[in-house]
Amino acid sequence: TSLLAEAGADVIKVEPPGGDPSRKLPGFRTWNRSKRSAALDLHRAADRDALEQLLAGADVLVHGLRPSVARRHRLDEESLSRRFPQLIHCSVLGWPAGHPDAERPGYEALVVARMGLMDEQRGHRPGPVFYRLPIASCGATHLTVIGILVRLHVRERSGRGGPVHTSLL
């Protein structure tokens, strides 16, 4: 979403009640520059309605919710396509949709370790070594933007949005 915001998109970051916990980190202002934010509690009817209003006027939704969580909040592919046929909805998960691990936490380190990349990196000691570059996130970032741009192009011709899926894997 940062790439899209820096290219001129109006990006609204939906944060949990009390705000994103990473606001305390020094990098937060850099990671979220050019974005607006809204704190919403999806367990409250008024906040769910506010999200529905945002989605009704949005071109794109990008989320990282595991499939069961997305379904619970009606942010899964089927629900979104039915309610907002023009909306492009992009899920960026740790593991691909339909993958046996799709419901597992998909953090960079877990995915890269499972891929075996930490074992491939030469280090100062034997054993797994963390990459300094978040290689899985970098790849997913570019695939996300490419997928969204393709969907925007298709929607321009067909009038219909639809899903975009990618993962850290």
Protein backbone atom coordinates (compact mmCIF):
# COMPACT_ATOMS: atom_id res chain seq x y z
CA THR A 1 0.00 0.00 0.00
CA SER A 2 2.97 2.30 0.50
CA LEU A 3 3.89 2.00 -3.18
CA LEU A 4 0.32 2.81 -4.15
CA ALA A 5 0.17 5.77 -1.73
CA GLU A 6 3.47 7.16 -2.99
CA ALA A 7 2.11 6.87 -6.54
CA GLY A 8 -0.86 9.06 -5.56
CA ALA A 9 -3.51 6.64 -4.33
CA ASP A 10 -5.63 7.77 -1.38
CA VAL A 11 -4.80 5.01 1.09
CA ILE A 12 -6.71 4.61 4.35
CA LYS A 13 -5.08 2.21 6.79
CA VAL A 14 -7.68 0.56 9.04
CA GLU A 15 -6.17 -0.02 12.46
CA PRO A 16 -7.49 -1.86 15.51
CA PRO A 17 -9.01 0.07 18.44
CA GLY A 18 -6.29 2.14 20.08
CA GLY A 19 -4.29 2.21 16.84
CA ASP A 20 -1.64 0.01 15.30
CA PRO A 21 0.73 -1.27 18.03
CA SER A 22 3.68 -0.56 15.72
CA ARG A 23 2.99 3.19 16.11
CA LYS A 24 5.50 3.03 18.97
CA LEU A 25 8.29 1.96 16.63
CA PRO A 26 10.62 4.53 15.05
CA GLY A 27 9.87 3.30 11.52
CA PHE A 28 6.09 3.68 11.74
CA ARG A 29 6.06 7.19 10.26
CA THR A 30 8.18 6.06 7.33
CA TRP A 31 6.23 2.85 6.69
CA ASN A 32 2.90 4.68 6.76
CA ARG A 33 3.74 7.99 5.13
CA SER A 34 1.22 9.27 2.60
CA LYS A 35 -1.56 7.25 4.27
CA ARG A 36 -4.52 8.26 6.36
CA SER A 37 -5.77 5.99 9.14
CA ALA A 38 -9.00 5.00 10.85
CA ALA A 39 -9.23 2.94 14.04
CA LEU A 40 -12.16 0.50 13.78
CA ASP A 41 -13.34 -2.32 16.04
CA LEU A 42 -14.95 -4.86 13.72
CA HIS A 43 -16.80 -6.34 16.70
CA ARG A 44 -18.88 -3.13 16.99
CA ALA A 45 -21.82 -2.60 14.62
CA ALA A 46 -21.08 1.11 14.12
CA ASP A 47 -17.48 0.40 13.13
CA ARG A 48 -18.54 -2.43 10.79
CA ASP A 49 -20.93 0.05 9.16
CA ALA A 50 -18.08 2.57 8.83
CA LEU A 51 -15.96 -0.08 7.11
CA GLU A 52 -18.84 -0.91 4.76
CA GLN A 53 -19.07 2.76 3.80
CA LEU A 54 -15.33 2.90 3.14
CA LEU A 55 -15.53 -0.22 0.98
CA ALA A 56 -18.53 1.09 -0.98
CA GLY A 57 -16.43 4.02 -2.17
CA ALA A 58 -13.10 2.21 -2.48
CA ASP A 59 -11.33 0.91 -5.55
CA VAL A 60 -9.14 -1.59 -3.69
CA LEU A 61 -9.03 -3.40 -0.35
CA VAL A 62 -5.73 -4.94 0.72
CA HIS A 63 -5.71 -7.16 3.79
CA GLY A 64 -3.63 -9.83 5.47
CA LEU A 65 -6.43 -11.69 7.24
CA ARG A 66 -6.19 -15.46 7.36
CA PRO A 67 -9.13 -17.09 5.48
CA SER A 68 -11.19 -17.97 8.58
CA VAL A 69 -10.79 -14.45 10.02
CA ALA A 70 -11.71 -12.86 6.67
CA ARG A 71 -14.86 -15.05 6.53
CA ARG A 72 -15.82 -14.14 10.10
CA HIS A 73 -15.69 -10.43 9.23
CA ARG A 74 -17.32 -10.92 5.79
CA LEU A 75 -14.10 -9.82 4.09
CA ASP A 76 -13.60 -13.07 2.19
CA GLU A 77 -13.61 -13.24 -1.60
CA GLU A 78 -17.20 -14.48 -1.95
CA SER A 79 -18.74 -11.97 0.49
CA LEU A 80 -16.87 -9.00 -0.95
CA SER A 81 -17.64 -9.94 -4.57
CA ARG A 82 -21.35 -10.20 -3.74
CA ARG A 83 -21.59 -6.89 -1.81
CA PHE A 84 -19.11 -4.82 -3.84
CA PRO A 85 -18.82 -6.15 -7.41
CA GLN A 86 -16.63 -3.20 -8.46
CA LEU A 87 -14.16 -3.67 -5.58
CA ILE A 88 -10.74 -5.20 -6.13
CA HIS A 89 -9.91 -7.16 -2.99
CA CYS A 90 -6.38 -8.32 -2.42
CA SER A 91 -5.27 -10.75 0.27
CA VAL A 92 -1.59 -10.90 1.14
CA LEU A 93 -1.08 -13.93 3.34
CA GLY A 94 1.91 -15.77 4.67
CA TRP A 95 0.81 -18.90 2.84
CA PRO A 96 -1.19 -19.12 -0.42
CA ALA A 97 -4.97 -19.43 -0.28
CA GLY A 98 -5.80 -23.13 -0.23
CA HIS A 99 -2.33 -24.07 1.10
CA PRO A 100 -2.39 -26.50 4.06
CA ASP A 101 -0.75 -23.77 6.18
CA ALA A 102 -3.09 -20.94 5.08
CA GLU A 103 -4.52 -20.63 8.60
CA ARG A 104 -1.12 -20.51 10.28
CA PRO A 105 0.55 -17.21 11.18
CA GLY A 106 2.44 -16.00 8.15
CA TYR A 107 5.28 -13.93 9.53
CA GLU A 108 8.33 -13.27 7.38
CA ALA A 109 10.72 -15.32 9.53
CA LEU A 110 8.37 -18.32 9.73
CA VAL A 111 7.73 -18.41 6.00
CA VAL A 112 11.38 -17.93 5.02
CA ALA A 113 12.45 -20.61 7.50
CA ARG A 114 9.82 -23.03 6.18
CA MET A 115 11.04 -22.34 2.64
CA GLY A 116 14.54 -23.35 3.76
CA LEU A 117 16.09 -20.01 2.85
CA MET A 118 17.55 -19.40 6.29
CA ASP A 119 19.55 -22.58 5.93
CA GLU A 120 20.84 -21.47 2.51
CA GLN A 121 22.30 -18.22 3.84
CA ARG A 122 25.96 -18.42 4.81
CA GLY A 123 26.60 -16.95 8.21
CA HIS A 124 29.08 -16.44 10.99
CA ARG A 125 28.03 -19.72 12.61
CA PRO A 126 26.48 -23.02 11.57
CA GLY A 127 22.70 -23.24 11.38
CA PRO A 128 19.90 -21.00 10.19
CA VAL A 129 20.70 -17.33 9.66
CA PHE A 130 18.19 -14.50 9.32
CA TYR A 131 18.22 -12.48 6.13
CA ARG A 132 18.69 -8.75 6.66
CA LEU A 133 16.44 -8.06 3.67
CA PRO A 134 12.80 -9.15 4.15
CA ILE A 135 12.96 -11.05 0.87
CA ALA A 136 9.51 -12.66 1.10
CA SER A 137 7.82 -9.35 1.88
CA CYS A 138 9.66 -7.59 -0.94
CA GLY A 139 8.48 -10.17 -3.44
CA ALA A 140 4.91 -10.09 -2.13
CA THR A 141 4.92 -6.28 -2.29
CA HIS A 142 5.66 -6.22 -5.99
CA LEU A 143 3.28 -9.07 -6.81
CA THR A 144 0.53 -7.25 -4.87
CA VAL A 145 0.96 -4.02 -6.82
CA ILE A 146 1.19 -5.86 -10.15
CA GLY A 147 -1.96 -7.86 -9.36
CA ILE A 148 -3.88 -4.75 -8.33
CA LEU A 149 -2.81 -2.84 -11.46
CA VAL A 150 -3.87 -5.74 -13.68
CA ARG A 151 -7.25 -5.94 -11.92
CA LEU A 152 -7.72 -2.17 -12.33
CA HIS A 153 -7.06 -2.55 -16.04
CA VAL A 154 -9.54 -5.44 -16.31
CA ARG A 155 -12.15 -3.50 -14.31
CA GLU A 156 -11.74 -0.55 -16.65
CA ARG A 157 -12.86 -2.83 -19.49
CA SER A 158 -15.42 -5.02 -17.72
CA GLY A 159 -16.73 -2.86 -14.87
CA ARG A 160 -16.09 -5.68 -12.41
CA GLY A 161 -13.51 -5.93 -9.67
CA GLY A 162 -12.54 -9.22 -8.11
CA PRO A 163 -9.87 -10.98 -6.13
CA VAL A 164 -6.10 -10.73 -6.15
CA HIS A 165 -4.12 -13.21 -4.07
CA THR A 166 -0.48 -13.41 -3.17
CA SER A 167 1.58 -14.60 -0.25
CA LEU A 168 4.99 -14.35 1.33
CA LEU A 169 5.65 -17.92 0.20
